[in-house]
Protein backbone atom coordinates (compact mmCIF):
# COMPACT_ATOMS: atom_id res chain seq x y z
CA MET A 1 -0.73 31.26 -1.35
CA ASN A 2 1.78 29.46 0.87
CA GLU A 3 -0.55 29.08 3.82
CA THR A 4 -1.02 25.43 4.76
CA LEU A 5 -4.45 23.89 4.23
CA LEU A 6 -5.98 20.42 4.34
CA LEU A 7 -7.23 19.21 0.97
CA PHE A 8 -10.33 17.01 1.35
CA GLY A 9 -9.52 17.00 5.05
CA LEU A 10 -6.61 14.63 4.37
CA LEU A 11 -3.71 16.15 2.42
CA GLN A 12 -1.61 18.97 3.85
CA THR A 13 -0.84 21.35 1.00
CA THR A 14 -0.97 24.99 -0.16
CA TRP A 15 -2.85 26.85 -2.88
CA LEU A 16 0.50 27.37 -4.61
CA GLU A 17 1.06 23.61 -4.78
CA ILE A 18 -2.52 23.01 -5.97
CA ILE A 19 -2.24 25.50 -8.85
CA SER A 20 1.19 24.14 -9.80
CA PHE A 21 -0.30 20.63 -9.74
CA LEU A 22 -3.14 21.56 -12.13
CA LEU A 23 -0.84 23.34 -14.58
CA ALA A 24 1.59 20.42 -14.60
CA MET A 25 -1.23 17.94 -15.25
CA ALA A 26 -2.40 20.00 -18.23
CA MET A 27 1.19 20.15 -19.50
CA VAL A 28 1.68 16.37 -19.54
CA LEU A 29 -1.69 15.71 -21.18
CA LEU A 30 -0.83 18.22 -23.91
CA ASN A 31 2.63 16.63 -24.31
CA ILE A 32 0.99 13.28 -24.96
CA ARG A 33 -1.18 14.91 -27.64
CA GLN A 34 1.97 16.53 -29.09
CA SER A 35 0.40 19.96 -28.67
CA ALA A 36 2.81 22.91 -28.60
CA TRP A 37 0.54 24.51 -25.96
CA ALA A 38 2.20 22.10 -23.51
CA TRP A 39 5.28 24.31 -23.37
CA LEU A 40 3.32 27.36 -22.23
CA PHE A 41 1.79 25.36 -19.39
CA ALA A 42 5.28 24.05 -18.61
CA ILE A 43 6.59 27.60 -18.19
CA ALA A 44 3.77 28.59 -15.83
CA SER A 45 3.97 25.37 -13.82
CA SER A 46 7.76 25.56 -13.48
CA ALA A 47 7.65 29.14 -12.24
CA LEU A 48 5.21 28.21 -9.46
CA TYR A 49 6.91 24.93 -8.57
CA ALA A 50 10.20 26.81 -8.09
CA MET A 51 8.56 28.52 -5.12
CA VAL A 52 7.10 25.25 -3.82
CA PHE A 53 10.48 23.51 -3.89
CA TYR A 54 12.27 26.50 -2.33
CA ASP A 55 9.96 26.26 0.67
CA ALA A 56 10.64 22.50 0.87
CA ARG A 57 14.45 23.02 0.62
CA ILE A 58 14.67 20.84 -2.50
CA TYR A 59 17.08 23.26 -4.15
CA GLY A 60 18.11 21.11 -7.09
CA ASP A 61 14.49 20.83 -8.13
CA MET A 62 14.00 24.55 -7.53
CA ALA A 63 16.88 25.45 -9.83
CA LEU A 64 15.67 22.86 -12.34
CA GLN A 65 12.43 24.77 -12.77
CA PHE A 66 14.29 27.80 -14.15
CA VAL A 67 16.15 25.57 -16.59
CA PHE A 68 12.79 24.04 -17.55
CA ILE A 69 11.47 27.52 -18.35
CA ALA A 70 14.37 28.20 -20.72
CA VAL A 71 14.14 24.72 -22.27
CA SER A 72 10.38 25.13 -22.68
CA VAL A 73 10.88 28.24 -24.81
CA TRP A 74 13.25 26.25 -27.01
CA GLY A 75 10.89 23.27 -27.01
CA LEU A 76 8.02 25.48 -28.16
CA TYR A 77 10.15 26.68 -31.07
CA GLN A 78 11.22 23.11 -31.96
CA TRP A 79 7.67 21.77 -31.94
CA LEU A 80 6.42 24.64 -34.09
CA PHE A 81 9.34 25.39 -36.41
CA GLY A 82 12.01 22.69 -35.94
CA GLY A 83 12.89 19.85 -38.28
CA PRO A 84 14.42 19.91 -41.75
CA ASP A 85 11.32 21.50 -43.32
CA HIS A 86 10.71 23.89 -40.38
CA GLN A 87 7.24 22.43 -39.85
CA GLY A 88 8.03 21.06 -36.39
CA VAL A 89 9.93 17.99 -35.23
CA ALA A 90 8.42 14.51 -35.59
CA VAL A 91 8.67 11.59 -33.15
CA SER A 92 12.00 9.80 -33.49
CA ARG A 93 14.04 7.11 -31.72
CA LEU A 94 17.31 7.33 -29.83
CA SER A 95 20.33 5.60 -31.41
CA ARG A 96 22.79 3.42 -29.49
CA ARG A 97 25.24 6.33 -29.53
CA GLY A 98 22.42 8.54 -28.25
CA TRP A 99 21.89 6.23 -25.28
CA GLY A 100 25.59 6.48 -24.49
CA LEU A 101 25.42 10.28 -24.55
CA VAL A 102 22.36 10.17 -22.29
CA ALA A 103 24.22 8.03 -19.71
CA VAL A 104 27.39 10.16 -19.76
CA THR A 105 25.47 13.44 -19.61
CA TRP A 106 23.25 12.22 -16.77
CA LEU A 107 26.25 11.04 -14.74
CA ALA A 108 28.25 14.23 -15.32
CA ALA A 109 25.28 16.45 -14.46
CA TYR A 110 24.55 14.40 -11.33
CA ALA A 111 28.13 14.76 -10.07
CA SER A 112 28.18 18.50 -10.73
CA ILE A 113 24.80 19.18 -9.15
CA ALA A 114 25.58 17.03 -6.10
CA LEU A 115 28.80 18.98 -5.49
CA LEU A 116 26.96 22.30 -5.75
CA LEU A 117 24.14 21.22 -3.45
CA HIS A 118 26.59 19.86 -0.89
CA ALA A 119 28.76 22.99 -0.95
CA PHE A 120 26.17 25.75 -1.12
CA THR A 121 22.86 24.54 0.35
CA ASP A 122 21.43 22.99 3.49
CA SER A 123 19.71 20.22 1.52
CA ASP A 124 19.19 16.95 3.38
CA VAL A 125 18.53 15.00 0.16
CA VAL A 126 21.61 15.95 -1.86
CA HIS A 127 22.19 12.77 -3.86
CA ILE A 128 18.63 11.82 -4.83
CA ASP A 129 17.86 15.48 -5.59
CA ALA A 130 20.95 15.74 -7.80
CA PHE A 131 20.29 12.40 -9.52
CA LEU A 132 16.68 13.23 -10.37
CA THR A 133 17.47 16.83 -11.31
CA ALA A 134 20.15 15.64 -13.75
CA GLY A 135 17.87 12.97 -15.19
CA SER A 136 15.04 15.46 -15.60
CA LEU A 137 17.29 17.78 -17.59
CA VAL A 138 18.23 14.96 -19.94
CA ALA A 139 14.64 13.75 -20.30
CA GLN A 140 13.34 17.28 -20.92
CA PHE A 141 15.90 17.84 -23.67
CA LEU A 142 14.85 14.59 -25.35
CA LEU A 143 11.21 15.68 -25.06
CA THR A 144 11.93 18.93 -26.92
CA ARG A 145 13.21 16.79 -29.78
CA LYS A 146 10.17 14.45 -29.56
CA THR A 147 12.46 11.52 -28.83
CA LEU A 148 10.36 8.47 -27.94
CA GLU A 149 12.76 7.34 -25.22
CA SER A 150 12.12 10.51 -23.23
CA TRP A 151 9.04 8.68 -21.89
CA HIS A 152 11.20 5.77 -20.68
CA LEU A 153 13.27 8.22 -18.68
CA TRP A 154 10.21 10.00 -17.29
CA ILE A 155 8.70 6.70 -16.12
CA LEU A 156 11.83 6.02 -14.05
CA ILE A 157 12.32 9.59 -12.84
CA ASP A 158 8.70 10.27 -11.93
CA SER A 159 8.38 7.04 -9.97
CA LEU A 160 11.48 7.93 -7.92
CA TYR A 161 10.19 11.45 -7.35
CA VAL A 162 7.11 10.00 -5.66
CA GLY A 163 9.29 8.67 -2.86
CA LEU A 164 11.23 11.93 -2.52
CA TYR A 165 8.11 14.06 -2.25
CA LEU A 166 6.51 11.71 0.26
CA TYR A 167 9.66 12.03 2.35
CA LYS A 168 9.41 15.84 2.11
CA HIS A 169 5.68 15.79 3.00
CA LEU A 170 4.67 17.21 -0.39
CA TYR A 171 1.80 14.75 -0.61
CA LEU A 172 -0.11 16.44 -3.42
CA THR A 173 3.04 16.66 -5.51
CA ALA A 174 3.81 13.00 -4.75
CA GLY A 175 0.34 12.15 -6.04
CA LEU A 176 0.99 14.28 -9.11
CA TYR A 177 4.18 12.38 -9.90
CA ALA A 178 2.41 9.07 -9.40
CA LEU A 179 -0.06 10.26 -12.05
CA PHE A 180 2.87 11.45 -14.16
CA THR A 181 4.27 7.91 -14.07
CA VAL A 182 1.00 6.50 -15.37
CA LEU A 183 0.72 9.24 -17.98
CA ALA A 184 4.32 8.61 -19.08
CA VAL A 185 3.38 4.99 -19.81
CA LEU A 186 0.41 6.28 -21.82
CA GLY A 187 2.60 8.84 -23.58
CA LEU A 188 5.06 6.12 -24.56
CA ARG A 189 2.26 4.07 -26.07
CA VAL A 190 0.72 7.01 -27.97
CA TRP A 191 4.07 8.18 -29.33
CA LYS A 192 4.96 4.63 -30.40
CA ASN A 193 1.78 4.56 -32.47
CA SER A 194 2.61 7.98 -33.92
CA LEU A 195 6.10 6.82 -34.85
CA ALA A 196 4.72 3.68 -36.51
CA LYS A 197 2.29 5.77 -38.59
CA ASN A 198 5.05 8.21 -39.61
CA THR A 199 7.30 5.30 -40.60
CA ALA A 200 4.52 3.68 -42.64
CA MET A 201 3.87 6.96 -44.48
CA ALA A 202 7.57 7.55 -45.22
């Protein structure tokens, strides 16, 4: 599945990247709909993308996929059985203190990941890989809790990933993350409406 092919005679890719792309697209669409099925697609997509990123020597992203798999199991549980009544978590907002924790956690994770990548890999994109890997971890955690601001983080992270993947010649994945950016804007809008309805009913 790692043999190079030309998609539509234009994009250099592999079947592995194509399948990962389709699973990831399904995952985001299901996230927007707040469907717990999203986490199962996340597990499958992450497992395949780990292989894609290994081949591209984007090791932070590769390792991130295994964390995503573990977080997705927890996210599935939270969306199905979390919350005070164990009926699943509802959309909520991040507090000012929460934003502070996001910033500190992102910075600490970035520094740690950058040190590891520099010391133990041959990565040529250490700092951007570490920055986006750390941010993705934070955003994914917020998503498991259905925190509205997770979409703000994904808009920033996904748009930066487009540039990274173009640089690494992962053109299909760059296109995927461009779509992710658009879908994150849509997800933010849909979840805002959901939060407004929940607040009105409370």
